[in-house]
């Protein structure tokens, strides 16, 4: 799933479709060094829990 966290890539898609790679969108990756980075950390943890490969864009 490309650009996870934006547009139409909702949480429900994670269970509906055969996904093996979760690609986190660039704005979330750039926010990792700020207090907003908690969202990227949560996405990474969620992807790992679902046994997906997690890729950071940018």
N, C-alpha and C. Protein backbone atom coordinates (compact mmCIF):
# COMPACT_ATOMS: atom_id res chain seq x y z
N UNK A 1 0.85 -1.17 0.00
CA UNK A 1 0.00 0.00 0.00
C UNK A 1 0.90 1.23 0.00
N UNK A 2 0.75 2.04 -1.02
CA UNK A 2 1.58 3.23 -1.18
C UNK A 2 0.95 4.42 -0.46
N UNK A 3 1.78 5.33 0.04
CA UNK A 3 1.33 6.57 0.69
C UNK A 3 0.37 6.32 1.84
N UNK A 4 0.68 5.34 2.66
CA UNK A 4 -0.20 5.03 3.79
C UNK A 4 -0.35 6.25 4.69
N UNK A 5 -1.55 6.51 5.12
CA UNK A 5 -1.85 7.64 6.00
C UNK A 5 -2.45 8.82 5.27
N UNK A 6 -2.57 8.73 3.94
CA UNK A 6 -3.13 9.84 3.17
C UNK A 6 -4.23 9.33 2.24
N UNK A 7 -5.07 10.23 1.80
CA UNK A 7 -6.08 9.91 0.80
C UNK A 7 -6.97 8.75 1.15
N UNK A 8 -7.04 7.78 0.24
CA UNK A 8 -7.96 6.67 0.39
C UNK A 8 -7.36 5.45 1.08
N UNK A 9 -6.14 5.53 1.55
CA UNK A 9 -5.53 4.37 2.19
C UNK A 9 -5.88 4.37 3.68
N UNK A 10 -7.06 3.87 3.98
CA UNK A 10 -7.54 3.88 5.35
C UNK A 10 -7.15 2.60 6.08
N UNK A 11 -7.35 2.59 7.38
CA UNK A 11 -7.01 1.42 8.19
C UNK A 11 -7.78 0.18 7.77
N UNK A 12 -9.00 0.35 7.32
CA UNK A 12 -9.80 -0.81 6.93
C UNK A 12 -9.20 -1.55 5.74
N UNK A 13 -8.44 -0.85 4.92
CA UNK A 13 -7.79 -1.49 3.76
C UNK A 13 -6.74 -2.50 4.19
N UNK A 14 -6.19 -2.33 5.38
CA UNK A 14 -5.14 -3.23 5.83
C UNK A 14 -5.64 -4.67 5.99
N UNK A 15 -6.93 -4.82 6.26
CA UNK A 15 -7.48 -6.16 6.43
C UNK A 15 -8.27 -6.64 5.22
N UNK A 16 -8.66 -5.73 4.34
CA UNK A 16 -9.47 -6.09 3.17
C UNK A 16 -8.66 -6.63 2.00
N UNK A 17 -7.43 -6.14 1.84
CA UNK A 17 -6.65 -6.44 0.66
C UNK A 17 -5.40 -7.23 1.01
N UNK A 18 -4.87 -8.02 0.07
CA UNK A 18 -3.64 -8.78 0.34
C UNK A 18 -2.41 -7.88 0.27
N UNK A 19 -2.06 -7.29 1.38
CA UNK A 19 -0.96 -6.33 1.46
C UNK A 19 0.24 -7.01 2.12
N UNK A 20 1.43 -6.76 1.58
CA UNK A 20 2.63 -7.28 2.24
C UNK A 20 3.67 -6.18 2.50
N UNK A 21 3.48 -5.00 1.89
CA UNK A 21 4.38 -3.88 2.11
C UNK A 21 3.57 -2.64 2.43
N UNK A 22 3.95 -1.94 3.49
CA UNK A 22 3.30 -0.70 3.89
C UNK A 22 4.31 0.42 3.67
N UNK A 23 4.01 1.35 2.77
CA UNK A 23 4.92 2.45 2.46
C UNK A 23 4.37 3.73 3.07
N UNK A 24 5.10 4.28 4.02
CA UNK A 24 4.65 5.47 4.75
C UNK A 24 4.95 6.72 3.92
N UNK A 25 3.96 7.60 3.81
CA UNK A 25 4.08 8.81 2.99
C UNK A 25 5.13 9.77 3.54
N UNK A 26 5.74 10.52 2.63
CA UNK A 26 6.86 11.42 2.94
C UNK A 26 6.61 12.41 4.08
N UNK A 27 5.47 13.09 4.16
CA UNK A 27 5.28 14.04 5.26
C UNK A 27 5.37 13.41 6.65
N UNK A 28 4.95 12.16 6.77
CA UNK A 28 5.05 11.47 8.06
C UNK A 28 6.51 11.12 8.37
N UNK A 29 7.27 10.79 7.34
CA UNK A 29 8.68 10.45 7.52
C UNK A 29 9.45 11.69 7.96
N UNK A 30 9.18 12.83 7.33
CA UNK A 30 9.88 14.07 7.70
C UNK A 30 9.53 14.53 9.11
N UNK A 31 8.39 14.10 9.63
CA UNK A 31 7.96 14.52 10.97
C UNK A 31 8.56 13.65 12.07
N UNK A 32 9.34 12.64 11.72
CA UNK A 32 9.88 11.71 12.73
C UNK A 32 10.72 12.44 13.78
N UNK A 33 11.45 13.46 13.39
CA UNK A 33 12.31 14.16 14.34
C UNK A 33 11.55 15.20 15.17
N UNK A 34 10.25 15.34 14.96
CA UNK A 34 9.44 16.28 15.74
C UNK A 34 8.46 15.51 16.62
N UNK A 35 7.69 16.26 17.38
CA UNK A 35 6.70 15.61 18.24
C UNK A 35 5.62 14.91 17.43
N UNK A 36 5.45 15.30 16.17
CA UNK A 36 4.48 14.64 15.29
C UNK A 36 4.97 13.26 14.84
N UNK A 37 6.20 12.96 15.11
CA UNK A 37 6.77 11.68 14.72
C UNK A 37 6.11 10.48 15.36
N UNK A 38 5.31 10.72 16.37
CA UNK A 38 4.59 9.63 17.04
C UNK A 38 3.68 8.90 16.06
N UNK A 39 3.14 9.60 15.06
CA UNK A 39 2.29 8.95 14.06
C UNK A 39 3.09 7.97 13.21
N UNK A 40 4.26 8.37 12.79
CA UNK A 40 5.11 7.48 12.00
C UNK A 40 5.52 6.27 12.83
N UNK A 41 5.84 6.50 14.08
CA UNK A 41 6.21 5.39 14.97
C UNK A 41 5.05 4.41 15.13
N UNK A 42 3.85 4.94 15.25
CA UNK A 42 2.67 4.09 15.38
C UNK A 42 2.42 3.29 14.10
N UNK A 43 2.61 3.92 12.95
CA UNK A 43 2.43 3.22 11.68
C UNK A 43 3.45 2.09 11.53
N UNK A 44 4.68 2.35 11.92
CA UNK A 44 5.72 1.33 11.85
C UNK A 44 5.38 0.16 12.77
N UNK A 45 4.98 0.47 13.98
CA UNK A 45 4.61 -0.58 14.94
C UNK A 45 3.43 -1.40 14.43
N UNK A 46 2.43 -0.72 13.86
CA UNK A 46 1.26 -1.41 13.33
C UNK A 46 1.65 -2.32 12.17
N UNK A 47 2.47 -1.82 11.26
CA UNK A 47 2.92 -2.63 10.14
C UNK A 47 3.69 -3.85 10.60
N UNK A 48 4.56 -3.66 11.57
CA UNK A 48 5.32 -4.79 12.11
C UNK A 48 4.41 -5.81 12.78
N UNK A 49 3.42 -5.35 13.50
CA UNK A 49 2.47 -6.25 14.16
C UNK A 49 1.69 -7.10 13.16
N UNK A 50 1.43 -6.52 11.99
CA UNK A 50 0.70 -7.23 10.94
C UNK A 50 1.63 -8.05 10.03
N UNK A 51 2.91 -8.06 10.36
CA UNK A 51 3.94 -8.79 9.62
C UNK A 51 4.11 -8.28 8.20
N UNK A 52 4.00 -6.95 8.03
CA UNK A 52 4.23 -6.31 6.74
C UNK A 52 5.66 -5.77 6.73
N UNK A 53 6.22 -5.69 5.53
CA UNK A 53 7.46 -4.95 5.36
C UNK A 53 7.07 -3.48 5.39
N UNK A 54 7.78 -2.66 6.16
CA UNK A 54 7.46 -1.24 6.27
C UNK A 54 8.57 -0.44 5.59
N UNK A 55 8.17 0.44 4.66
CA UNK A 55 9.10 1.26 3.90
C UNK A 55 8.77 2.73 4.14
N UNK A 56 9.81 3.54 4.35
CA UNK A 56 9.61 4.98 4.53
C UNK A 56 9.94 5.69 3.24
N UNK A 57 8.99 6.48 2.73
CA UNK A 57 9.20 7.24 1.49
C UNK A 57 10.06 8.46 1.75
N UNK A 58 10.96 8.74 0.82
CA UNK A 58 11.75 9.96 0.90
C UNK A 58 13.04 9.77 1.61
